[in-house]
Full PDB file with SEQRES, HELIX, SHEET, SSBOND, CRYST1, ORIGX, SCALE, CONECT and MASTER records, all heavy atoms in Angstrom:
SEQRES   1 A   39  GLY ASP VAL GLU VAL ARG ALA LEU ILE GLU GLY GLN PHE          
SEQRES   2 A   39  MET ALA LYS ARG ILE HIS ALA GLU GLY LEU GLY TYR ARG          
SEQRES   3 A   39  VAL LYS ARG LEU LYS ASP VAL PHE TRP ALA LYS GLU LYS          
HELIX    1 AA1 ASP A    2  GLY A   22  1                                  21    
HELIX    2 AA2 LEU A   30  GLU A   38  1                                   9    
CRYST1    1.000    1.000    1.000  90.00  90.00  90.00 P 1           1          
ORIGX1      1.000000  0.000000  0.000000        0.00000                         
ORIGX2      0.000000  1.000000  0.000000        0.00000                         
ORIGX3      0.000000  0.000000  1.000000        0.00000                         
SCALE1      1.000000  0.000000  0.000000        0.00000                         
SCALE2      0.000000  1.000000  0.000000        0.00000                         
SCALE3      0.000000  0.000000  1.000000        0.00000                         
ATOM      1  N   GLY A   1     -11.669 127.934 -67.187  1.00  0.00           N  
ATOM      2  CA  GLY A   1     -10.464 127.644 -66.401  1.00  0.00           C  
ATOM      3  C   GLY A   1     -10.177 126.205 -66.139  1.00  0.00           C  
ATOM      4  O   GLY A   1      -9.083 125.701 -66.302  1.00  0.00           O  
ATOM      5  N   ASP A   2     -11.203 125.439 -65.671  1.00  0.00           N  
ATOM      6  CA  ASP A   2     -10.983 124.023 -65.308  1.00  0.00           C  
ATOM      7  C   ASP A   2     -10.727 123.172 -66.630  1.00  0.00           C  
ATOM      8  O   ASP A   2      -9.841 122.330 -66.570  1.00  0.00           O  
ATOM      9  CB  ASP A   2     -12.148 123.446 -64.549  1.00  0.00           C  
ATOM     10  CG  ASP A   2     -13.468 123.563 -65.189  1.00  0.00           C  
ATOM     11  OD1 ASP A   2     -13.567 124.387 -66.184  1.00  0.00           O  
ATOM     12  OD2 ASP A   2     -14.408 122.899 -64.807  1.00  0.00           O  
ATOM     13  N   VAL A   3     -11.355 123.513 -67.714  1.00  0.00           N  
ATOM     14  CA  VAL A   3     -11.120 122.846 -68.967  1.00  0.00           C  
ATOM     15  C   VAL A   3      -9.755 123.173 -69.438  1.00  0.00           C  
ATOM     16  O   VAL A   3      -8.978 122.310 -70.071  1.00  0.00           O  
ATOM     17  CB  VAL A   3     -12.145 123.232 -70.012  1.00  0.00           C  
ATOM     18  CG1 VAL A   3     -11.882 122.586 -71.380  1.00  0.00           C  
ATOM     19  CG2 VAL A   3     -13.577 122.848 -69.488  1.00  0.00           C  
ATOM     20  N   GLU A   4      -9.292 124.421 -69.325  1.00  0.00           N  
ATOM     21  CA  GLU A   4      -7.943 124.868 -69.690  1.00  0.00           C  
ATOM     22  C   GLU A   4      -6.864 124.022 -69.023  1.00  0.00           C  
ATOM     23  O   GLU A   4      -5.899 123.571 -69.678  1.00  0.00           O  
ATOM     24  CB  GLU A   4      -7.751 126.320 -69.405  1.00  0.00           C  
ATOM     25  CG  GLU A   4      -6.503 126.901 -70.014  1.00  0.00           C  
ATOM     26  CD  GLU A   4      -6.766 127.514 -71.466  1.00  0.00           C  
ATOM     27  OE1 GLU A   4      -7.061 126.696 -72.377  1.00  0.00           O  
ATOM     28  OE2 GLU A   4      -6.650 128.717 -71.577  1.00  0.00           O  
ATOM     29  N   VAL A   5      -7.075 123.835 -67.733  1.00  0.00           N  
ATOM     30  CA  VAL A   5      -6.068 123.090 -66.928  1.00  0.00           C  
ATOM     31  C   VAL A   5      -5.884 121.669 -67.433  1.00  0.00           C  
ATOM     32  O   VAL A   5      -4.810 121.192 -67.767  1.00  0.00           O  
ATOM     33  CB  VAL A   5      -6.401 123.127 -65.475  1.00  0.00           C  
ATOM     34  CG1 VAL A   5      -5.573 122.113 -64.679  1.00  0.00           C  
ATOM     35  CG2 VAL A   5      -6.230 124.395 -64.878  1.00  0.00           C  
ATOM     36  N   ARG A   6      -7.101 121.024 -67.594  1.00  0.00           N  
ATOM     37  CA  ARG A   6      -6.988 119.607 -68.098  1.00  0.00           C  
ATOM     38  C   ARG A   6      -6.494 119.474 -69.583  1.00  0.00           C  
ATOM     39  O   ARG A   6      -5.755 118.624 -69.932  1.00  0.00           O  
ATOM     40  CB  ARG A   6      -8.391 118.906 -67.962  1.00  0.00           C  
ATOM     41  CG  ARG A   6      -8.309 117.464 -68.470  1.00  0.00           C  
ATOM     42  CD  ARG A   6      -9.495 116.637 -68.034  1.00  0.00           C  
ATOM     43  NE  ARG A   6      -9.418 116.289 -66.615  1.00  0.00           N  
ATOM     44  CZ  ARG A   6      -8.692 115.162 -66.258  1.00  0.00           C  
ATOM     45  NH1 ARG A   6      -8.022 114.465 -67.130  1.00  0.00           N  
ATOM     46  NH2 ARG A   6      -8.677 114.881 -64.989  1.00  0.00           N  
ATOM     47  N   ALA A   7      -6.955 120.482 -70.406  1.00  0.00           N  
ATOM     48  CA  ALA A   7      -6.426 120.515 -71.786  1.00  0.00           C  
ATOM     49  C   ALA A   7      -4.899 120.614 -71.840  1.00  0.00           C  
ATOM     50  O   ALA A   7      -4.272 119.955 -72.673  1.00  0.00           O  
ATOM     51  CB  ALA A   7      -7.018 121.698 -72.528  1.00  0.00           C  
ATOM     52  N   LEU A   8      -4.334 121.414 -71.014  1.00  0.00           N  
ATOM     53  CA  LEU A   8      -2.884 121.581 -70.951  1.00  0.00           C  
ATOM     54  C   LEU A   8      -2.192 120.279 -70.578  1.00  0.00           C  
ATOM     55  O   LEU A   8      -1.349 119.811 -71.270  1.00  0.00           O  
ATOM     56  CB  LEU A   8      -2.477 122.582 -69.903  1.00  0.00           C  
ATOM     57  CG  LEU A   8      -0.973 122.666 -69.573  1.00  0.00           C  
ATOM     58  CD1 LEU A   8      -0.178 123.174 -70.674  1.00  0.00           C  
ATOM     59  CD2 LEU A   8      -0.736 123.384 -68.305  1.00  0.00           C  
ATOM     60  N   ILE A   9      -2.693 119.649 -69.452  1.00  0.00           N  
ATOM     61  CA  ILE A   9      -1.976 118.385 -69.010  1.00  0.00           C  
ATOM     62  C   ILE A   9      -2.271 117.259 -69.982  1.00  0.00           C  
ATOM     63  O   ILE A   9      -1.271 116.558 -70.330  1.00  0.00           O  
ATOM     64  CB  ILE A   9      -2.571 118.030 -67.607  1.00  0.00           C  
ATOM     65  CG1 ILE A   9      -2.234 119.064 -66.575  1.00  0.00           C  
ATOM     66  CG2 ILE A   9      -2.038 116.625 -67.218  1.00  0.00           C  
ATOM     67  CD1 ILE A   9      -0.719 119.350 -66.468  1.00  0.00           C  
ATOM     68  N   GLU A  10      -3.407 117.041 -70.430  1.00  0.00           N  
ATOM     69  CA  GLU A  10      -3.744 115.988 -71.450  1.00  0.00           C  
ATOM     70  C   GLU A  10      -2.902 116.181 -72.730  1.00  0.00           C  
ATOM     71  O   GLU A  10      -2.390 115.330 -73.341  1.00  0.00           O  
ATOM     72  CB  GLU A  10      -5.199 115.827 -71.646  1.00  0.00           C  
ATOM     73  CG  GLU A  10      -5.948 115.249 -70.390  1.00  0.00           C  
ATOM     74  CD  GLU A  10      -7.422 114.855 -70.732  1.00  0.00           C  
ATOM     75  OE1 GLU A  10      -7.786 115.122 -71.896  1.00  0.00           O  
ATOM     76  OE2 GLU A  10      -7.988 114.209 -69.852  1.00  0.00           O  
ATOM     77  N   GLY A  11      -2.886 117.479 -73.207  1.00  0.00           N  
ATOM     78  CA  GLY A  11      -2.198 117.776 -74.433  1.00  0.00           C  
ATOM     79  C   GLY A  11      -0.725 117.543 -74.317  1.00  0.00           C  
ATOM     80  O   GLY A  11      -0.084 117.011 -75.167  1.00  0.00           O  
ATOM     81  N   GLN A  12      -0.100 117.895 -73.169  1.00  0.00           N  
ATOM     82  CA  GLN A  12       1.310 117.611 -72.885  1.00  0.00           C  
ATOM     83  C   GLN A  12       1.615 116.108 -72.945  1.00  0.00           C  
ATOM     84  O   GLN A  12       2.557 115.696 -73.619  1.00  0.00           O  
ATOM     85  CB  GLN A  12       1.815 118.276 -71.630  1.00  0.00           C  
ATOM     86  CG  GLN A  12       1.908 119.791 -71.691  1.00  0.00           C  
ATOM     87  CD  GLN A  12       2.580 120.390 -70.484  1.00  0.00           C  
ATOM     88  OE1 GLN A  12       2.460 119.864 -69.416  1.00  0.00           O  
ATOM     89  NE2 GLN A  12       3.229 121.545 -70.656  1.00  0.00           N  
ATOM     90  N   PHE A  13       0.820 115.359 -72.210  1.00  0.00           N  
ATOM     91  CA  PHE A  13       1.079 113.927 -72.223  1.00  0.00           C  
ATOM     92  C   PHE A  13       0.730 113.215 -73.589  1.00  0.00           C  
ATOM     93  O   PHE A  13       1.368 112.307 -73.922  1.00  0.00           O  
ATOM     94  CB  PHE A  13       0.256 113.263 -71.066  1.00  0.00           C  
ATOM     95  CG  PHE A  13       1.054 113.338 -69.720  1.00  0.00           C  
ATOM     96  CD1 PHE A  13       1.015 114.424 -68.963  1.00  0.00           C  
ATOM     97  CD2 PHE A  13       1.811 112.267 -69.304  1.00  0.00           C  
ATOM     98  CE1 PHE A  13       1.797 114.606 -67.847  1.00  0.00           C  
ATOM     99  CE2 PHE A  13       2.561 112.286 -68.194  1.00  0.00           C  
ATOM    100  CZ  PHE A  13       2.514 113.486 -67.348  1.00  0.00           C  
ATOM    101  N   MET A  14      -0.336 113.735 -74.232  1.00  0.00           N  
ATOM    102  CA  MET A  14      -0.609 113.215 -75.539  1.00  0.00           C  
ATOM    103  C   MET A  14       0.552 113.448 -76.535  1.00  0.00           C  
ATOM    104  O   MET A  14       0.885 112.518 -77.316  1.00  0.00           O  
ATOM    105  CB  MET A  14      -1.946 113.790 -76.089  1.00  0.00           C  
ATOM    106  CG  MET A  14      -2.401 113.126 -77.350  1.00  0.00           C  
ATOM    107  SD  MET A  14      -4.034 113.815 -77.884  1.00  0.00           S  
ATOM    108  CE  MET A  14      -5.073 113.397 -76.572  1.00  0.00           C  
ATOM    109  N   ALA A  15       1.120 114.641 -76.447  1.00  0.00           N  
ATOM    110  CA  ALA A  15       2.254 114.890 -77.363  1.00  0.00           C  
ATOM    111  C   ALA A  15       3.438 113.966 -77.027  1.00  0.00           C  
ATOM    112  O   ALA A  15       4.113 113.482 -77.981  1.00  0.00           O  
ATOM    113  CB  ALA A  15       2.707 116.359 -77.174  1.00  0.00           C  
ATOM    114  N   LYS A  16       3.626 113.764 -75.769  1.00  0.00           N  
ATOM    115  CA  LYS A  16       4.744 112.796 -75.392  1.00  0.00           C  
ATOM    116  C   LYS A  16       4.470 111.427 -75.932  1.00  0.00           C  
ATOM    117  O   LYS A  16       5.399 110.795 -76.477  1.00  0.00           O  
ATOM    118  CB  LYS A  16       4.870 112.759 -73.908  1.00  0.00           C  
ATOM    119  CG  LYS A  16       5.426 114.026 -73.319  1.00  0.00           C  
ATOM    120  CD  LYS A  16       5.419 114.021 -71.762  1.00  0.00           C  
ATOM    121  CE  LYS A  16       6.025 115.272 -71.129  1.00  0.00           C  
ATOM    122  NZ  LYS A  16       5.436 116.568 -71.566  1.00  0.00           N  
ATOM    123  N   ARG A  17       3.200 111.020 -75.925  1.00  0.00           N  
ATOM    124  CA  ARG A  17       2.927 109.627 -76.439  1.00  0.00           C  
ATOM    125  C   ARG A  17       3.096 109.619 -77.927  1.00  0.00           C  
ATOM    126  O   ARG A  17       3.708 108.695 -78.492  1.00  0.00           O  
ATOM    127  CB  ARG A  17       1.494 109.262 -76.072  1.00  0.00           C  
ATOM    128  CG  ARG A  17       1.077 107.969 -76.761  1.00  0.00           C  
ATOM    129  CD  ARG A  17      -0.393 107.610 -76.519  1.00  0.00           C  
ATOM    130  NE  ARG A  17      -0.754 106.422 -77.393  1.00  0.00           N  
ATOM    131  CZ  ARG A  17      -1.833 105.730 -77.266  1.00  0.00           C  
ATOM    132  NH1 ARG A  17      -2.660 105.961 -76.223  1.00  0.00           N  
ATOM    133  NH2 ARG A  17      -2.083 104.755 -78.067  1.00  0.00           N  
ATOM    134  N   ILE A  18       2.596 110.572 -78.624  1.00  0.00           N  
ATOM    135  CA  ILE A  18       2.661 110.602 -80.031  1.00  0.00           C  
ATOM    136  C   ILE A  18       4.115 110.514 -80.534  1.00  0.00           C  
ATOM    137  O   ILE A  18       4.434 109.763 -81.457  1.00  0.00           O  
ATOM    138  CB  ILE A  18       1.958 111.869 -80.618  1.00  0.00           C  
ATOM    139  CG1 ILE A  18       0.439 111.761 -80.397  1.00  0.00           C  
ATOM    140  CG2 ILE A  18       2.263 112.074 -82.154  1.00  0.00           C  
ATOM    141  CD1 ILE A  18      -0.310 113.053 -80.644  1.00  0.00           C  
ATOM    142  N   HIS A  19       4.982 111.400 -79.940  1.00  0.00           N  
ATOM    143  CA  HIS A  19       6.359 111.378 -80.418  1.00  0.00           C  
ATOM    144  C   HIS A  19       7.119 110.139 -79.998  1.00  0.00           C  
ATOM    145  O   HIS A  19       8.045 109.674 -80.669  1.00  0.00           O  
ATOM    146  CB  HIS A  19       7.010 112.703 -79.981  1.00  0.00           C  
ATOM    147  CG  HIS A  19       6.521 113.890 -80.612  1.00  0.00           C  
ATOM    148  ND1 HIS A  19       6.725 114.149 -81.949  1.00  0.00           N  
ATOM    149  CD2 HIS A  19       5.595 114.832 -80.247  1.00  0.00           C  
ATOM    150  CE1 HIS A  19       6.063 115.277 -82.309  1.00  0.00           C  
ATOM    151  NE2 HIS A  19       5.418 115.760 -81.280  1.00  0.00           N  
ATOM    152  N   ALA A  20       6.771 109.634 -78.780  1.00  0.00           N  
ATOM    153  CA  ALA A  20       7.400 108.345 -78.382  1.00  0.00           C  
ATOM    154  C   ALA A  20       7.032 107.190 -79.380  1.00  0.00           C  
ATOM    155  O   ALA A  20       7.870 106.441 -79.760  1.00  0.00           O  
ATOM    156  CB  ALA A  20       6.879 107.964 -77.003  1.00  0.00           C  
ATOM    157  N   GLU A  21       5.808 107.179 -79.833  1.00  0.00           N  
ATOM    158  CA  GLU A  21       5.392 106.116 -80.769  1.00  0.00           C  
ATOM    159  C   GLU A  21       6.159 106.300 -82.105  1.00  0.00           C  
ATOM    160  O   GLU A  21       6.483 105.337 -82.839  1.00  0.00           O  
ATOM    161  CB  GLU A  21       3.894 106.118 -80.993  1.00  0.00           C  
ATOM    162  CG  GLU A  21       3.196 105.544 -79.747  1.00  0.00           C  
ATOM    163  CD  GLU A  21       1.684 105.532 -79.908  1.00  0.00           C  
ATOM    164  OE1 GLU A  21       1.138 106.309 -80.762  1.00  0.00           O  
ATOM    165  OE2 GLU A  21       0.960 104.659 -79.259  1.00  0.00           O  
ATOM    166  N   GLY A  22       6.421 107.541 -82.457  1.00  0.00           N  
ATOM    167  CA  GLY A  22       7.115 107.873 -83.657  1.00  0.00           C  
ATOM    168  C   GLY A  22       8.557 107.278 -83.673  1.00  0.00           C  
ATOM    169  O   GLY A  22       9.110 107.134 -84.715  1.00  0.00           O  
ATOM    170  N   LEU A  23       9.121 107.079 -82.458  1.00  0.00           N  
ATOM    171  CA  LEU A  23      10.474 106.556 -82.383  1.00  0.00           C  
ATOM    172  C   LEU A  23      10.419 104.986 -82.208  1.00  0.00           C  
ATOM    173  O   LEU A  23      11.531 104.503 -82.092  1.00  0.00           O  
ATOM    174  CB  LEU A  23      11.155 107.232 -81.229  1.00  0.00           C  
ATOM    175  CG  LEU A  23      11.469 108.678 -81.364  1.00  0.00           C  
ATOM    176  CD1 LEU A  23      12.199 109.258 -80.140  1.00  0.00           C  
ATOM    177  CD2 LEU A  23      12.461 108.951 -82.616  1.00  0.00           C  
ATOM    178  N   GLY A  24       9.296 104.469 -82.147  1.00  0.00           N  
ATOM    179  CA  GLY A  24       9.242 102.983 -82.068  1.00  0.00           C  
ATOM    180  C   GLY A  24       8.676 102.492 -80.790  1.00  0.00           C  
ATOM    181  O   GLY A  24       8.453 101.221 -80.563  1.00  0.00           O  
ATOM    182  N   TYR A  25       8.314 103.344 -79.800  1.00  0.00           N  
ATOM    183  CA  TYR A  25       7.670 102.871 -78.594  1.00  0.00           C  
ATOM    184  C   TYR A  25       6.191 102.626 -78.799  1.00  0.00           C  
ATOM    185  O   TYR A  25       5.540 103.391 -79.493  1.00  0.00           O  
ATOM    186  CB  TYR A  25       7.867 103.941 -77.475  1.00  0.00           C  
ATOM    187  CG  TYR A  25       7.373 103.490 -76.103  1.00  0.00           C  
ATOM    188  CD1 TYR A  25       8.280 102.674 -75.347  1.00  0.00           C  
ATOM    189  CD2 TYR A  25       6.173 103.809 -75.608  1.00  0.00           C  
ATOM    190  CE1 TYR A  25       7.834 102.247 -74.115  1.00  0.00           C  
ATOM    191  CE2 TYR A  25       5.755 103.417 -74.365  1.00  0.00           C  
ATOM    192  CZ  TYR A  25       6.583 102.606 -73.650  1.00  0.00           C  
ATOM    193  OH  TYR A  25       6.164 102.219 -72.427  1.00  0.00           O  
ATOM    194  N   ARG A  26       5.667 101.598 -78.102  1.00  0.00           N  
ATOM    195  CA  ARG A  26       4.208 101.310 -78.246  1.00  0.00           C  
ATOM    196  C   ARG A  26       3.563 101.301 -76.892  1.00  0.00           C  
ATOM    197  O   ARG A  26       3.920 100.572 -75.978  1.00  0.00           O  
ATOM    198  CB  ARG A  26       4.024  99.913 -78.911  1.00  0.00           C  
ATOM    199  CG  ARG A  26       4.423  99.869 -80.345  1.00  0.00           C  
ATOM    200  CD  ARG A  26       3.466 100.776 -81.206  1.00  0.00           C  
ATOM    201  NE  ARG A  26       3.870 100.904 -82.606  1.00  0.00           N  
ATOM    202  CZ  ARG A  26       4.586 101.990 -83.076  1.00  0.00           C  
ATOM    203  NH1 ARG A  26       4.858 102.952 -82.220  1.00  0.00           N  
ATOM    204  NH2 ARG A  26       4.916 102.095 -84.281  1.00  0.00           N  
ATOM    205  N   VAL A  27       2.567 102.159 -76.703  1.00  0.00           N  
ATOM    206  CA  VAL A  27       1.794 102.278 -75.561  1.00  0.00           C  
ATOM    207  C   VAL A  27       0.558 101.395 -75.734  1.00  0.00           C  
ATOM    208  O   VAL A  27      -0.207 101.537 -76.645  1.00  0.00           O  
ATOM    209  CB  VAL A  27       1.347 103.698 -75.238  1.00  0.00           C  
ATOM    210  CG1 VAL A  27       0.490 103.802 -73.972  1.00  0.00           C  
ATOM    211  CG2 VAL A  27       2.577 104.665 -75.098  1.00  0.00           C  
ATOM    212  N   LYS A  28       0.365 100.425 -74.880  1.00  0.00           N  
ATOM    213  CA  LYS A  28      -0.728  99.461 -75.032  1.00  0.00           C  
ATOM    214  C   LYS A  28      -2.119 100.079 -74.789  1.00  0.00           C  
ATOM    215  O   LYS A  28      -3.053  99.855 -75.461  1.00  0.00           O  
ATOM    216  CB  LYS A  28      -0.489  98.245 -74.112  1.00  0.00           C  
ATOM    217  CG  LYS A  28       0.691  97.433 -74.579  1.00  0.00           C  
ATOM    218  CD  LYS A  28       0.865  96.240 -73.675  1.00  0.00           C  
ATOM    219  CE  LYS A  28       2.053  95.349 -74.061  1.00  0.00           C  
ATOM    220  NZ  LYS A  28       2.201  94.171 -73.161  1.00  0.00           N  
ATOM    221  N   ARG A  29      -2.209 100.825 -73.688  1.00  0.00           N  
ATOM    222  CA  ARG A  29      -3.507 101.385 -73.369  1.00  0.00           C  
ATOM    223  C   ARG A  29      -3.309 102.874 -72.964  1.00  0.00           C  
ATOM    224  O   ARG A  29      -2.518 103.218 -72.095  1.00  0.00           O  
ATOM    225  CB  ARG A  29      -4.088 100.698 -72.162  1.00  0.00           C  
ATOM    226  CG  ARG A  29      -4.593  99.157 -72.448  1.00  0.00           C  
ATOM    227  CD  ARG A  29      -5.257  98.659 -71.254  1.00  0.00           C  
ATOM    228  NE  ARG A  29      -4.372  98.586 -70.109  1.00  0.00           N  
ATOM    229  CZ  ARG A  29      -4.909  98.297 -68.925  1.00  0.00           C  
ATOM    230  NH1 ARG A  29      -6.172  98.055 -68.703  1.00  0.00           N  
ATOM    231  NH2 ARG A  29      -4.016  98.273 -67.888  1.00  0.00           N  
ATOM    232  N   LEU A  30      -4.090 103.757 -73.638  1.00  0.00           N  
ATOM    233  CA  LEU A  30      -4.064 105.094 -73.306  1.00  0.00           C  
ATOM    234  C   LEU A  30      -4.483 105.353 -71.891  1.00  0.00           C  
ATOM    235  O   LEU A  30      -3.929 106.190 -71.237  1.00  0.00           O  
ATOM    236  CB  LEU A  30      -5.024 105.917 -74.208  1.00  0.00           C  
ATOM    237  CG  LEU A  30      -4.972 107.379 -74.123  1.00  0.00           C  
ATOM    238  CD1 LEU A  30      -3.583 108.011 -74.404  1.00  0.00           C  
ATOM    239  CD2 LEU A  30      -6.022 108.077 -75.088  1.00  0.00           C  
ATOM    240  N   LYS A  31      -5.367 104.556 -71.358  1.00  0.00           N  
ATOM    241  CA  LYS A  31      -5.877 104.658 -70.023  1.00  0.00           C  
ATOM    242  C   LYS A  31      -4.705 104.614 -68.997  1.00  0.00           C  
ATOM    243  O   LYS A  31      -4.684 105.333 -68.007  1.00  0.00           O  
ATOM    244  CB  LYS A  31      -6.822 103.591 -69.696  1.00  0.00           C  
ATOM    245  CG  LYS A  31      -7.409 103.644 -68.287  1.00  0.00           C  
ATOM    246  CD  LYS A  31      -8.400 102.526 -68.010  1.00  0.00           C  
ATOM    247  CE  LYS A  31      -8.901 102.579 -66.606  1.00  0.00           C  
ATOM    248  NZ  LYS A  31      -9.863 101.500 -66.273  1.00  0.00           N  
ATOM    249  N   ASP A  32      -3.714 103.775 -69.274  1.00  0.00           N  
ATOM    250  CA  ASP A  32      -2.559 103.601 -68.408  1.00  0.00           C  
ATOM    251  C   ASP A  32      -1.838 104.925 -68.231  1.00  0.00           C  
ATOM    252  O   ASP A  32      -1.376 105.281 -67.218  1.00  0.00           O  
ATOM    253  CB  ASP A  32      -1.635 102.470 -68.857  1.00  0.00           C  
ATOM    254  CG  ASP A  32      -2.213 101.203 -68.705  1.00  0.00           C  
ATOM    255  OD1 ASP A  32      -3.181 100.996 -67.946  1.00  0.00           O  
ATOM    256  OD2 ASP A  32      -1.710 100.226 -69.354  1.00  0.00           O  
ATOM    257  N   VAL A  33      -1.698 105.680 -69.352  1.00  0.00           N  
ATOM    258  CA  VAL A  33      -0.929 106.928 -69.326  1.00  0.00           C  
ATOM    259  C   VAL A  33      -1.767 107.891 -68.395  1.00  0.00           C  
ATOM    260  O   VAL A  33      -1.205 108.572 -67.557  1.00  0.00           O  
ATOM    261  CB  VAL A  33      -0.798 107.500 -70.731  1.00  0.00           C  
ATOM    262  CG1 VAL A  33      -0.124 108.837 -70.702  1.00  0.00           C  
ATOM    263  CG2 VAL A  33       0.050 106.520 -71.545  1.00  0.00           C  
ATOM    264  N   PHE A  34      -3.070 108.030 -68.698  1.00  0.00           N  
ATOM    265  CA  PHE A  34      -3.803 108.988 -67.890  1.00  0.00           C  
ATOM    266  C   PHE A  34      -3.934 108.586 -66.468  1.00  0.00           C  
ATOM    267  O   PHE A  34      -3.999 109.388 -65.541  1.00  0.00           O  
ATOM    268  CB  PHE A  34      -5.199 109.145 -68.525  1.00  0.00           C  
ATOM    269  CG  PHE A  34      -5.223 109.855 -69.778  1.00  0.00           C  
ATOM    270  CD1 PHE A  34      -5.920 109.452 -70.926  1.00  0.00           C  
ATOM    271  CD2 PHE A  34      -4.458 111.040 -69.915  1.00  0.00           C  
ATOM    272  CE1 PHE A  34      -5.905 110.114 -72.082  1.00  0.00           C  
ATOM    273  CE2 PHE A  34      -4.378 111.724 -71.120  1.00  0.00           C  
ATOM    274  CZ  PHE A  34      -5.144 111.300 -72.185  1.00  0.00           C  
ATOM    275  N   TRP A  35      -4.028 107.228 -66.218  1.00  0.00           N  
ATOM    276  CA  TRP A  35      -4.018 106.791 -64.800  1.00  0.00           C  
ATOM    277  C   TRP A  35      -2.809 107.230 -64.059  1.00  0.00           C  
ATOM    278  O   TRP A  35      -2.880 107.757 -62.946  1.00  0.00           O  
ATOM    279  CB  TRP A  35      -4.227 105.257 -64.730  1.00  0.00           C  
ATOM    280  CG  TRP A  35      -4.188 104.757 -63.397  1.00  0.00           C  
ATOM    281  CD1 TRP A  35      -5.267 104.587 -62.555  1.00  0.00           C  
ATOM    282  CD2 TRP A  35      -3.065 104.248 -62.654  1.00  0.00           C  
ATOM    283  NE1 TRP A  35      -4.902 104.013 -61.376  1.00  0.00           N  
ATOM    284  CE2 TRP A  35      -3.556 103.814 -61.311  1.00  0.00           C  
ATOM    285  CE3 TRP A  35      -1.696 104.069 -62.952  1.00  0.00           C  
ATOM    286  CZ2 TRP A  35      -2.706 103.304 -60.371  1.00  0.00           C  
ATOM    287  CZ3 TRP A  35      -0.884 103.578 -61.986  1.00  0.00           C  
ATOM    288  CH2 TRP A  35      -1.337 103.172 -60.745  1.00  0.00           C  
ATOM    289  N   ALA A  36      -1.657 107.063 -64.712  1.00  0.00           N  
ATOM    290  CA  ALA A  36      -0.424 107.426 -64.019  1.00  0.00           C  
ATOM    291  C   ALA A  36      -0.327 108.900 -63.788  1.00  0.00           C  
ATOM    292  O   ALA A  36       0.022 109.422 -62.703  1.00  0.00           O  
ATOM    293  CB  ALA A  36       0.756 107.076 -65.003  1.00  0.00           C  
ATOM    294  N   LYS A  37      -0.967 109.677 -64.778  1.00  0.00           N  
ATOM    295  CA  LYS A  37      -0.990 111.144 -64.602  1.00  0.00           C  
ATOM    296  C   LYS A  37      -1.894 111.485 -63.439  1.00  0.00           C  
ATOM    297  O   LYS A  37      -1.529 112.357 -62.555  1.00  0.00           O  
ATOM    298  CB  LYS A  37      -1.533 111.750 -65.881  1.00  0.00           C  
ATOM    299  CG  LYS A  37      -1.636 113.275 -65.855  1.00  0.00           C  
ATOM    300  CD  LYS A  37      -2.378 113.838 -66.976  1.00  0.00           C  
ATOM    301  CE  LYS A  37      -3.797 113.296 -66.893  1.00  0.00           C  
ATOM    302  NZ  LYS A  37      -4.607 113.775 -68.078  1.00  0.00           N  
ATOM    303  N   GLU A  38      -3.056 110.847 -63.295  1.00  0.00           N  
ATOM    304  CA  GLU A  38      -3.956 111.161 -62.191  1.00  0.00           C  
ATOM    305  C   GLU A  38      -3.302 110.842 -60.831  1.00  0.00           C  
ATOM    306  O   GLU A  38      -3.420 111.566 -59.854  1.00  0.00           O  
ATOM    307  CB  GLU A  38      -5.229 110.347 -62.343  1.00  0.00           C  
ATOM    308  CG  GLU A  38      -6.090 110.686 -63.537  1.00  0.00           C  
ATOM    309  CD  GLU A  38      -6.764 112.041 -63.442  1.00  0.00           C  
ATOM    310  OE1 GLU A  38      -6.716 112.578 -62.312  1.00  0.00           O  
ATOM    311  OE2 GLU A  38      -7.343 112.554 -64.413  1.00  0.00           O  
ATOM    312  N   LYS A  39      -2.523 109.678 -60.884  1.00  0.00           N  
ATOM    313  CA  LYS A  39      -1.922 109.215 -59.566  1.00  0.00           C  
ATOM    314  C   LYS A  39      -0.928 110.256 -59.055  1.00  0.00           C  
ATOM    315  O   LYS A  39      -0.597 110.258 -57.839  1.00  0.00           O  
ATOM    316  CB  LYS A  39      -1.300 107.886 -59.766  1.00  0.00           C  
ATOM    317  CG  LYS A  39      -2.276 106.767 -60.014  1.00  0.00           C  
ATOM    318  CD  LYS A  39      -3.000 106.440 -58.702  1.00  0.00           C  
ATOM    319  CE  LYS A  39      -2.166 105.752 -57.690  1.00  0.00           C  
ATOM    320  NZ  LYS A  39      -2.916 105.287 -56.541  1.00  0.00           N  
TER     321      LYS A  39                                                      
MASTER        0    0    0    2    0    0    0    6  320    1    0    3          
END                                                                             
């Protein structure tokens, strides 16, 4: 259960990053994305 919850959230945000980069956006640090998510 706890792994499922994090897999969902991290997978959703990872997909957003991947497709954003495909359109020309560049994320400098993956940590920043996850930090924002944690916050």
